[in-house]
């Protein structure tokens, strides 16, 4: 089989900085560029994304980020990454 669309979903972060402009999530899939899932509007940042992956096994992690760093600057502050999820496509 060839590439397939896969929806990756995660539990939402309750952190205010994640759920406002400048916040969101970063999805890391082994061997690919990280996917940015930013807050767009409303009460919370999105908690899923759909990607097309080639056949094989892919390690996936998600981490939240906020708009402000620990010193009040505008550099993103990231949470710890989620547990690794193995996605296997035949």
Protein backbone atom coordinates (compact mmCIF):
# COMPACT_ATOMS: atom_id res chain seq x y z
CA UNK A 1 0.00 0.00 0.00
CA UNK A 2 1.04 3.58 -0.46
CA UNK A 3 0.68 6.72 1.60
CA UNK A 4 -2.37 7.08 3.85
CA UNK A 5 -4.11 9.95 5.64
CA UNK A 6 -3.80 9.61 9.41
CA UNK A 7 -5.52 11.80 12.00
CA UNK A 8 -3.44 12.38 15.11
CA UNK A 9 -5.41 13.63 18.14
CA UNK A 10 -4.39 14.47 21.69
CA UNK A 11 -5.87 15.63 24.99
CA UNK A 12 -6.07 19.43 25.27
CA UNK A 13 -3.78 21.47 27.47
CA UNK A 14 -5.56 23.67 30.01
CA UNK A 15 -2.70 26.18 30.06
CA UNK A 16 -3.97 29.65 29.13
CA UNK A 17 -0.86 30.45 27.06
CA UNK A 18 -1.50 27.43 24.79
CA UNK A 19 -5.10 28.52 24.11
CA UNK A 20 -4.52 32.07 22.91
CA UNK A 21 -2.61 33.78 20.09
CA UNK A 22 0.98 32.55 19.99
CA UNK A 23 0.11 29.18 21.53
CA UNK A 24 -0.64 25.78 20.09
CA UNK A 25 0.92 22.36 19.60
CA UNK A 26 3.87 20.86 17.78
CA UNK A 27 3.52 17.36 16.35
CA UNK A 28 6.81 15.54 15.73
CA UNK A 29 6.85 12.56 13.40
CA UNK A 30 10.21 10.79 13.15
CA UNK A 31 12.10 11.76 10.01
CA UNK A 32 9.74 14.61 9.05
CA UNK A 33 9.66 18.32 9.79
CA UNK A 34 7.61 19.10 12.92
CA UNK A 35 4.02 20.15 12.23
CA UNK A 36 2.83 23.37 13.85
CA UNK A 37 -0.82 23.34 14.97
CA UNK A 38 -1.34 26.92 16.19
CA UNK A 39 -4.20 28.47 18.09
CA UNK A 40 -6.45 30.21 15.56
CA UNK A 41 -9.51 31.47 17.45
CA UNK A 42 -12.15 30.47 19.95
CA UNK A 43 -11.69 29.04 23.40
CA UNK A 44 -8.95 26.50 22.68
CA UNK A 45 -6.22 25.50 20.26
CA UNK A 46 -7.05 22.58 17.93
CA UNK A 47 -6.30 19.12 19.31
CA UNK A 48 -5.87 17.11 16.11
CA UNK A 49 -4.26 17.24 12.71
CA UNK A 50 -4.44 15.03 9.65
CA UNK A 51 -1.24 14.10 7.82
CA UNK A 52 -0.36 11.81 4.93
CA UNK A 53 2.29 9.27 5.87
CA UNK A 54 4.12 6.72 3.74
CA UNK A 55 4.06 3.01 4.54
CA UNK A 56 6.16 1.99 7.53
CA UNK A 57 6.33 2.68 11.25
CA UNK A 58 6.40 6.27 12.47
CA UNK A 59 7.16 7.56 15.98
CA UNK A 60 4.83 10.43 16.90
CA UNK A 61 4.98 12.85 19.84
CA UNK A 62 3.04 16.01 20.65
CA UNK A 63 3.99 18.92 22.86
CA UNK A 64 2.13 22.11 23.73
CA UNK A 65 3.65 25.55 23.53
CA UNK A 66 2.82 28.95 24.91
CA UNK A 67 3.41 32.39 23.56
CA UNK A 68 5.59 33.53 26.43
CA UNK A 69 8.79 32.15 27.84
CA UNK A 70 9.55 31.91 31.56
CA UNK A 71 11.04 35.42 31.64
CA UNK A 72 8.08 37.09 29.91
CA UNK A 73 9.66 37.18 26.45
CA UNK A 74 7.92 36.11 23.26
CA UNK A 75 9.96 32.96 22.63
CA UNK A 76 7.85 29.81 22.68
CA UNK A 77 7.91 27.75 25.85
CA UNK A 78 7.31 24.05 25.22
CA UNK A 79 5.83 21.41 27.50
CA UNK A 80 7.44 18.02 27.84
CA UNK A 81 6.72 15.78 24.86
CA UNK A 82 3.97 13.20 25.10
CA UNK A 83 4.72 9.51 25.23
CA UNK A 84 5.81 8.13 21.87
CA UNK A 85 3.02 6.68 19.79
CA UNK A 86 4.00 4.19 17.09
CA UNK A 87 1.90 4.49 13.93
CA UNK A 88 2.24 1.50 11.59
CA UNK A 89 1.04 1.68 8.00
CA UNK A 90 1.28 -1.30 5.68
